[in-house]
Amino acid sequence: MGVGVGLFLFAAGAILTFAVEKTVNGIDLQTVGVILMIVGGLGVVLSLLFWSGGTPLRRRTTVYEDRAGGRRVYEERGDIL
């Protein structure tokens, strides 16, 4: 889910929650709207978190070449929250 989809879900949920006054048998439109707003908000936050370069869950691998020994040294760094 991208930022655009998250914003769309949030906007649709806000419309259902605050602007629609119709009632439907078996469905509470305000509850559906709140659920859509929560899912849209989480989608935006997670998209921005993983889209940015400084995500805390990214694993970095750096390769150093040792010219004297002819071998490669791998350094892995995983920032977990």
PDB file of N, CA and C in Angstrom:
ATOM      1  N   MET A   1       0.857  -1.162   0.000  1.00  0.00           N
ATOM      2  CA  MET A   1       0.000   0.000   0.000  1.00  0.00           C
ATOM      3  C   MET A   1       0.900   1.220   0.000  1.00  0.00           C
ATOM      4  N   GLY A   2       0.625   2.130  -0.894  1.00  0.00           N
ATOM      5  CA  GLY A   2       1.402   3.343  -0.964  1.00  0.00           C
ATOM      6  C   GLY A   2       0.768   4.471  -0.170  1.00  0.00           C
ATOM      7  N   VAL A   3       1.429   5.607  -0.226  1.00  0.00           N
ATOM      8  CA  VAL A   3       0.938   6.772   0.494  1.00  0.00           C
ATOM      9  C   VAL A   3      -0.399   7.227  -0.083  1.00  0.00           C
ATOM     10  N   GLY A   4      -0.513   7.190  -1.403  1.00  0.00           N
ATOM     11  CA  GLY A   4      -1.752   7.626  -2.049  1.00  0.00           C
ATOM     12  C   GLY A   4      -2.944   6.771  -1.668  1.00  0.00           C
ATOM     13  N   VAL A   5      -2.762   5.464  -1.638  1.00  0.00           N
ATOM     14  CA  VAL A   5      -3.849   4.560  -1.253  1.00  0.00           C
ATOM     15  C   VAL A   5      -4.222   4.769   0.211  1.00  0.00           C
ATOM     16  N   GLY A   6      -3.227   4.959   1.048  1.00  0.00           N
ATOM     17  CA  GLY A   6      -3.491   5.211   2.463  1.00  0.00           C
ATOM     18  C   GLY A   6      -4.278   6.495   2.677  1.00  0.00           C
ATOM     19  N   LEU A   7      -3.896   7.551   1.961  1.00  0.00           N
ATOM     20  CA  LEU A   7      -4.630   8.805   2.075  1.00  0.00           C
ATOM     21  C   LEU A   7      -6.053   8.674   1.541  1.00  0.00           C
ATOM     22  N   PHE A   8      -6.220   7.916   0.459  1.00  0.00           N
ATOM     23  CA  PHE A   8      -7.556   7.692  -0.077  1.00  0.00           C
ATOM     24  C   PHE A   8      -8.433   6.946   0.923  1.00  0.00           C
ATOM     25  N   LEU A   9      -7.888   5.885   1.538  1.00  0.00           N
ATOM     26  CA  LEU A   9      -8.666   5.143   2.529  1.00  0.00           C
ATOM     27  C   LEU A   9      -9.009   6.014   3.733  1.00  0.00           C
ATOM     28  N   PHE A  10      -8.071   6.832   4.161  1.00  0.00           N
ATOM     29  CA  PHE A  10      -8.329   7.719   5.289  1.00  0.00           C
ATOM     30  C   PHE A  10      -9.431   8.725   4.940  1.00  0.00           C
ATOM     31  N   ALA A  11      -9.369   9.297   3.741  1.00  0.00           N
ATOM     32  CA  ALA A  11     -10.383  10.270   3.331  1.00  0.00           C
ATOM     33  C   ALA A  11     -11.753   9.609   3.190  1.00  0.00           C
ATOM     34  N   ALA A  12     -11.799   8.418   2.600  1.00  0.00           N
ATOM     35  CA  ALA A  12     -13.078   7.709   2.467  1.00  0.00           C
ATOM     36  C   ALA A  12     -13.655   7.372   3.842  1.00  0.00           C
ATOM     37  N   GLY A  13     -12.808   6.974   4.767  1.00  0.00           N
ATOM     38  CA  GLY A  13     -13.259   6.687   6.119  1.00  0.00           C
ATOM     39  C   GLY A  13     -13.775   7.922   6.830  1.00  0.00           C
ATOM     40  N   ALA A  14     -13.107   9.053   6.623  1.00  0.00           N
ATOM     41  CA  ALA A  14     -13.568  10.298   7.247  1.00  0.00           C
ATOM     42  C   ALA A  14     -14.918  10.726   6.679  1.00  0.00           C
ATOM     43  N   ILE A  15     -15.105  10.533   5.386  1.00  0.00           N
ATOM     44  CA  ILE A  15     -16.399  10.862   4.782  1.00  0.00           C
ATOM     45  C   ILE A  15     -17.489   9.970   5.352  1.00  0.00           C
ATOM     46  N   LEU A  16     -17.214   8.671   5.433  1.00  0.00           N
ATOM     47  CA  LEU A  16     -18.227   7.765   5.994  1.00  0.00           C
ATOM     48  C   LEU A  16     -18.518   8.072   7.457  1.00  0.00           C
ATOM     49  N   THR A  17     -17.503   8.455   8.204  1.00  0.00           N
ATOM     50  CA  THR A  17     -17.688   8.696   9.633  1.00  0.00           C
ATOM     51  C   THR A  17     -18.407  10.006   9.912  1.00  0.00           C
ATOM     52  N   PHE A  18     -18.005  11.079   9.239  1.00  0.00           N
ATOM     53  CA  PHE A  18     -18.484  12.401   9.622  1.00  0.00           C
ATOM     54  C   PHE A  18     -19.531  13.009   8.684  1.00  0.00           C
ATOM     55  N   ALA A  19     -19.617  12.549   7.437  1.00  0.00           N
ATOM     56  CA  ALA A  19     -20.487  13.231   6.481  1.00  0.00           C
ATOM     57  C   ALA A  19     -21.730  12.436   6.084  1.00  0.00           C
ATOM     58  N   VAL A  20     -21.701  11.142   6.201  1.00  0.00           N
ATOM     59  CA  VAL A  20     -22.830  10.325   5.752  1.00  0.00           C
ATOM     60  C   VAL A  20     -23.795  10.132   6.919  1.00  0.00           C
ATOM     61  N   GLU A  21     -25.063  10.467   6.653  1.00  0.00           N
ATOM     62  CA  GLU A  21     -26.080  10.314   7.687  1.00  0.00           C
ATOM     63  C   GLU A  21     -27.095   9.224   7.359  1.00  0.00           C
ATOM     64  N   LYS A  22     -26.913   8.521   6.281  1.00  0.00           N
ATOM     65  CA  LYS A  22     -27.812   7.435   5.907  1.00  0.00           C
ATOM     66  C   LYS A  22     -27.573   6.224   6.792  1.00  0.00           C
ATOM     67  N   THR A  23     -28.573   5.405   6.945  1.00  0.00           N
ATOM     68  CA  THR A  23     -28.438   4.161   7.692  1.00  0.00           C
ATOM     69  C   THR A  23     -28.671   2.989   6.757  1.00  0.00           C
ATOM     70  N   VAL A  24     -27.918   1.949   6.979  1.00  0.00           N
ATOM     71  CA  VAL A  24     -28.028   0.728   6.196  1.00  0.00           C
ATOM     72  C   VAL A  24     -28.264  -0.410   7.179  1.00  0.00           C
ATOM     73  N   ASN A  25     -29.230  -1.266   6.868  1.00  0.00           N
ATOM     74  CA  ASN A  25     -29.520  -2.381   7.759  1.00  0.00           C
ATOM     75  C   ASN A  25     -28.346  -3.359   7.797  1.00  0.00           C
ATOM     76  N   GLY A  26     -27.857  -3.655   8.982  1.00  0.00           N
ATOM     77  CA  GLY A  26     -26.796  -4.636   9.157  1.00  0.00           C
ATOM     78  C   GLY A  26     -25.395  -4.077   9.083  1.00  0.00           C
ATOM     79  N   ILE A  27     -25.232  -2.804   8.692  1.00  0.00           N
ATOM     80  CA  ILE A  27     -23.897  -2.213   8.573  1.00  0.00           C
ATOM     81  C   ILE A  27     -23.896  -0.869   9.293  1.00  0.00           C
ATOM     82  N   ASP A  28     -22.948  -0.666  10.162  1.00  0.00           N
ATOM     83  CA  ASP A  28     -22.770   0.630  10.817  1.00  0.00           C
ATOM     84  C   ASP A  28     -21.718   1.403  10.033  1.00  0.00           C
ATOM     85  N   LEU A  29     -22.159   2.392   9.263  1.00  0.00           N
ATOM     86  CA  LEU A  29     -21.245   3.118   8.380  1.00  0.00           C
ATOM     87  C   LEU A  29     -20.186   3.907   9.158  1.00  0.00           C
ATOM     88  N   GLN A  30     -20.519   4.372  10.350  1.00  0.00           N
ATOM     89  CA  GLN A  30     -19.530   5.099  11.150  1.00  0.00           C
ATOM     90  C   GLN A  30     -18.394   4.173  11.585  1.00  0.00           C
ATOM     91  N   THR A  31     -18.729   2.935  11.948  1.00  0.00           N
ATOM     92  CA  THR A  31     -17.694   1.973  12.336  1.00  0.00           C
ATOM     93  C   THR A  31     -16.817   1.611  11.144  1.00  0.00           C
ATOM     94  N   VAL A  32     -17.434   1.409   9.998  1.00  0.00           N
ATOM     95  CA  VAL A  32     -16.655   1.125   8.778  1.00  0.00           C
ATOM     96  C   VAL A  32     -15.733   2.303   8.468  1.00  0.00           C
ATOM     97  N   GLY A  33     -16.229   3.515   8.653  1.00  0.00           N
ATOM     98  CA  GLY A  33     -15.406   4.697   8.410  1.00  0.00           C
ATOM     99  C   GLY A  33     -14.217   4.788   9.341  1.00  0.00           C
ATOM    100  N   VAL A  34     -14.435   4.480  10.617  1.00  0.00           N
ATOM    101  CA  VAL A  34     -13.321   4.512  11.577  1.00  0.00           C
ATOM    102  C   VAL A  34     -12.290   3.444  11.228  1.00  0.00           C
ATOM    103  N   ILE A  35     -12.749   2.271  10.842  1.00  0.00           N
ATOM    104  CA  ILE A  35     -11.814   1.199  10.453  1.00  0.00           C
ATOM    105  C   ILE A  35     -11.004   1.631   9.237  1.00  0.00           C
ATOM    106  N   LEU A  36     -11.641   2.233   8.247  1.00  0.00           N
ATOM    107  CA  LEU A  36     -10.913   2.698   7.061  1.00  0.00           C
ATOM    108  C   LEU A  36      -9.909   3.792   7.416  1.00  0.00           C
ATOM    109  N   MET A  37     -10.274   4.674   8.338  1.00  0.00           N
ATOM    110  CA  MET A  37      -9.331   5.721   8.753  1.00  0.00           C
ATOM    111  C   MET A  37      -8.122   5.118   9.464  1.00  0.00           C
ATOM    112  N   ILE A  38      -8.326   4.117  10.296  1.00  0.00           N
ATOM    113  CA  ILE A  38      -7.210   3.478  10.992  1.00  0.00           C
ATOM    114  C   ILE A  38      -6.297   2.770  10.009  1.00  0.00           C
ATOM    115  N   VAL A  39      -6.885   2.001   9.087  1.00  0.00           N
ATOM    116  CA  VAL A  39      -6.080   1.275   8.095  1.00  0.00           C
ATOM    117  C   VAL A  39      -5.335   2.253   7.193  1.00  0.00           C
ATOM    118  N   GLY A  40      -5.991   3.318   6.770  1.00  0.00           N
ATOM    119  CA  GLY A  40      -5.331   4.318   5.929  1.00  0.00           C
ATOM    120  C   GLY A  40      -4.200   5.024   6.650  1.00  0.00           C
ATOM    121  N   GLY A  41      -4.431   5.384   7.916  1.00  0.00           N
ATOM    122  CA  GLY A  41      -3.375   6.039   8.691  1.00  0.00           C
ATOM    123  C   GLY A  41      -2.170   5.137   8.900  1.00  0.00           C
ATOM    124  N   LEU A  42      -2.425   3.870   9.234  1.00  0.00           N
ATOM    125  CA  LEU A  42      -1.315   2.917   9.385  1.00  0.00           C
ATOM    126  C   LEU A  42      -0.581   2.710   8.065  1.00  0.00           C
ATOM    127  N   GLY A  43      -1.327   2.668   6.970  1.00  0.00           N
ATOM    128  CA  GLY A  43      -0.699   2.510   5.654  1.00  0.00           C
ATOM    129  C   GLY A  43       0.216   3.667   5.323  1.00  0.00           C
ATOM    130  N   VAL A  44      -0.205   4.880   5.626  1.00  0.00           N
ATOM    131  CA  VAL A  44       0.628   6.059   5.359  1.00  0.00           C
ATOM    132  C   VAL A  44       1.879   6.034   6.223  1.00  0.00           C
ATOM    133  N   VAL A  45       1.713   5.754   7.508  1.00  0.00           N
ATOM    134  CA  VAL A  45       2.858   5.738   8.416  1.00  0.00           C
ATOM    135  C   VAL A  45       3.866   4.666   8.017  1.00  0.00           C
ATOM    136  N   LEU A  46       3.385   3.456   7.730  1.00  0.00           N
ATOM    137  CA  LEU A  46       4.302   2.381   7.346  1.00  0.00           C
ATOM    138  C   LEU A  46       4.959   2.647   5.992  1.00  0.00           C
ATOM    139  N   SER A  47       4.216   3.213   5.053  1.00  0.00           N
ATOM    140  CA  SER A  47       4.814   3.539   3.757  1.00  0.00           C
ATOM    141  C   SER A  47       5.921   4.573   3.913  1.00  0.00           C
ATOM    142  N   LEU A  48       5.672   5.598   4.722  1.00  0.00           N
ATOM    143  CA  LEU A  48       6.704   6.607   4.924  1.00  0.00           C
ATOM    144  C   LEU A  48       7.903   6.048   5.679  1.00  0.00           C
ATOM    145  N   LEU A  49       7.649   5.150   6.607  1.00  0.00           N
ATOM    146  CA  LEU A  49       8.742   4.558   7.375  1.00  0.00           C
ATOM    147  C   LEU A  49       9.653   3.728   6.489  1.00  0.00           C
ATOM    148  N   PHE A  50       9.079   2.898   5.642  1.00  0.00           N
ATOM    149  CA  PHE A  50       9.893   2.041   4.788  1.00  0.00           C
ATOM    150  C   PHE A  50      10.363   2.733   3.523  1.00  0.00           C
ATOM    151  N   TRP A  51       9.737   3.843   3.164  1.00  0.00           N
ATOM    152  CA  TRP A  51      10.132   4.582   1.977  1.00  0.00           C
ATOM    153  C   TRP A  51      11.332   5.467   2.257  1.00  0.00           C
ATOM    154  N   SER A  52      11.451   5.939   3.484  1.00  0.00           N
ATOM    155  CA  SER A  52      12.561   6.818   3.834  1.00  0.00           C
ATOM    156  C   SER A  52      13.862   6.022   3.909  1.00  0.00           C
ATOM    157  N   GLY A  53      14.956   6.709   3.756  1.00  0.00           N
ATOM    158  CA  GLY A  53      16.250   6.041   3.776  1.00  0.00           C
ATOM    159  C   GLY A  53      16.676   5.596   5.160  1.00  0.00           C
ATOM    160  N   GLY A  54      16.107   6.161   6.193  1.00  0.00           N
ATOM    161  CA  GLY A  54      16.538   5.854   7.545  1.00  0.00           C
ATOM    162  C   GLY A  54      15.632   4.880   8.263  1.00  0.00           C
ATOM    163  N   THR A  55      15.138   3.911   7.552  1.00  0.00           N
ATOM    164  CA  THR A  55      14.252   2.943   8.186  1.00  0.00           C
ATOM    165  C   THR A  55      15.006   2.138   9.242  1.00  0.00           C
ATOM    166  N   PRO A  56      14.415   1.912  10.378  1.00  0.00           N
ATOM    167  CA  PRO A  56      15.129   1.188  11.435  1.00  0.00           C
ATOM    168  C   PRO A  56      15.255  -0.309  11.174  1.00  0.00           C
ATOM    169  N   LEU A  57      14.598  -0.828  10.167  1.00  0.00           N
ATOM    170  CA  LEU A  57      14.649  -2.266   9.909  1.00  0.00           C
ATOM    171  C   LEU A  57      15.537  -2.610   8.719  1.00  0.00           C
ATOM    172  N   ARG A  58      16.315  -1.658   8.241  1.00  0.00           N
ATOM    173  CA  ARG A  58      17.145  -1.905   7.073  1.00  0.00           C
ATOM    174  C   ARG A  58      18.456  -2.566   7.469  1.00  0.00           C
ATOM    175  N   ARG A  59      18.882  -3.521   6.694  1.00  0.00           N
ATOM    176  CA  ARG A  59      20.150  -4.206   6.918  1.00  0.00           C
ATOM    177  C   ARG A  59      21.153  -3.691   5.883  1.00  0.00           C
ATOM    178  N   ARG A  60      22.314  -3.288   6.374  1.00  0.00           N
ATOM    179  CA  ARG A  60      23.344  -2.745   5.486  1.00  0.00           C
ATOM    180  C   ARG A  60      24.528  -3.698   5.423  1.00  0.00           C
ATOM    181  N   THR A  61      25.038  -3.882   4.232  1.00  0.00           N
ATOM    182  CA  THR A  61      26.216  -4.716   4.048  1.00  0.00           C
ATOM    183  C   THR A  61      27.297  -3.878   3.372  1.00  0.00           C
ATOM    184  N   THR A  62      28.464  -3.837   3.958  1.00  0.00           N
ATOM    185  CA  THR A  62      29.594  -3.117   3.400  1.00  0.00           C
ATOM    186  C   THR A  62      30.690  -4.131   3.085  1.00  0.00           C
ATOM    187  N   VAL A  63      31.288  -4.002   1.901  1.00  0.00           N
ATOM    188  CA  VAL A  63      32.331  -4.933   1.480  1.00  0.00           C
ATOM    189  C   VAL A  63      33.651  -4.178   1.423  1.00  0.00           C
ATOM    190  N   TYR A  64      34.633  -4.701   2.152  1.00  0.00           N
ATOM    191  CA  TYR A  64      35.985  -4.162   2.121  1.00  0.00           C
ATOM    192  C   TYR A  64      36.880  -5.196   1.455  1.00  0.00           C
ATOM    193  N   GLU A  65      37.716  -4.741   0.551  1.00  0.00           N
ATOM    194  CA  GLU A  65      38.653  -5.654  -0.091  1.00  0.00           C
ATOM    195  C   GLU A  65      40.022  -5.503   0.562  1.00  0.00           C
ATOM    196  N   ASP A  66      40.538  -6.616   1.050  1.00  0.00           N
ATOM    197  CA  ASP A  66      41.859  -6.650   1.652  1.00  0.00           C
ATOM    198  C   ASP A  66      42.855  -6.983   0.546  1.00  0.00           C
ATOM    199  N   ARG A  67      43.592  -6.009   0.094  1.00  0.00           N
ATOM    200  CA  ARG A  67      44.493  -6.217  -1.049  1.00  0.00           C
ATOM    201  C   ARG A  67      45.690  -7.093  -0.689  1.00  0.00           C
ATOM    202  N   ALA A  68      46.112  -7.042   0.546  1.00  0.00           N
ATOM    203  CA  ALA A  68      47.271  -7.844   0.934  1.00  0.00           C
ATOM    204  C   ALA A  68      46.916  -9.327   0.965  1.00  0.00           C
ATOM    205  N   GLY A  69      45.784  -9.661   1.521  1.00  0.00           N
ATOM    206  CA  GLY A  69      45.400 -11.069   1.645  1.00  0.00           C
ATOM    207  C   GLY A  69      44.535 -11.551   0.504  1.00  0.00           C
ATOM    208  N   GLY A  70      44.023 -10.636  -0.321  1.00  0.00           N
ATOM    209  CA  GLY A  70      43.187 -11.023  -1.444  1.00  0.00           C
ATOM    210  C   GLY A  70      41.820 -11.558  -1.042  1.00  0.00           C
ATOM    211  N   ARG A  71      41.305 -11.129   0.059  1.00  0.00           N
ATOM    212  CA  ARG A  71      39.998 -11.614   0.499  1.00  0.00           C
ATOM    213  C   ARG A  71      39.072 -10.426   0.742  1.00  0.00           C
ATOM    214  N   ARG A  72      37.808 -10.748   0.815  1.00  0.00           N
ATOM    215  CA  ARG A  72      36.811  -9.712   1.067  1.00  0.00           C
ATOM    216  C   ARG A  72      36.291  -9.848   2.487  1.00  0.00           C
ATOM    217  N   VAL A  73      36.090  -8.722   3.101  1.00  0.00           N
ATOM    218  CA  VAL A  73      35.561  -8.687   4.460  1.00  0.00           C
ATOM    219  C   VAL A  73      34.172  -8.064   4.387  1.00  0.00           C
ATOM    220  N   TYR A  74      33.188  -8.783   4.871  1.00  0.00           N
ATOM    221  CA  TYR A  74      31.804  -8.300   4.870  1.00  0.00           C
ATOM    222  C   TYR A  74      31.441  -7.812   6.263  1.00  0.00           C
ATOM    223  N   GLU A  75      30.873  -6.652   6.290  1.00  0.00           N
ATOM    224  CA  GLU A  75      30.403  -6.102   7.556  1.00  0.00           C
ATOM    225  C   GLU A  75      28.910  -5.869   7.422  1.00  0.00           C
ATOM    226  N   GLU A  76      28.122  -6.563   8.231  1.00  0.00           N
ATOM    227  CA  GLU A  76      26.680  -6.391   8.187  1.00  0.00           C
ATOM    228  C   GLU A  76      26.243  -5.645   9.436  1.00  0.00           C
ATOM    229  N   ARG A  77      25.351  -4.711   9.223  1.00  0.00           N
ATOM    230  CA  ARG A  77      24.823  -3.944  10.326  1.00  0.00           C
ATOM    231  C   ARG A  77      23.315  -3.888  10.176  1.00  0.00           C
ATOM    232  N   GLY A  78      22.618  -4.417  11.128  1.00  0.00           N
ATOM    233  CA  GLY A  78      21.163  -4.376  11.102  1.00  0.00           C
ATOM    234  C   GLY A  78      20.653  -3.571  12.268  1.00  0.00           C
ATOM    235  N   ASP A  79      20.043  -2.435  11.944  1.00  0.00           N
ATOM    236  CA  ASP A  79      19.473  -1.599  12.996  1.00  0.00           C
ATOM    237  C   ASP A  79      18.061  -2.088  13.256  1.00  0.00           C
ATOM    238  N   ILE A  80      17.868  -2.741  14.362  1.00  0.00           N
ATOM    239  CA  ILE A  80      16.539  -3.214  14.718  1.00  0.00           C
ATOM    240  C   ILE A  80      15.981  -2.271  15.760  1.00  0.00           C
ATOM    241  N   LEU A  81      15.052  -1.478  15.333  1.00  0.00           N
ATOM    242  CA  LEU A  81      14.371  -0.491  16.166  1.00  0.00           C
ATOM    243  C   LEU A  81      15.353   0.059  17.153  1.00  0.00           C
TER     244      LEU A  81
END
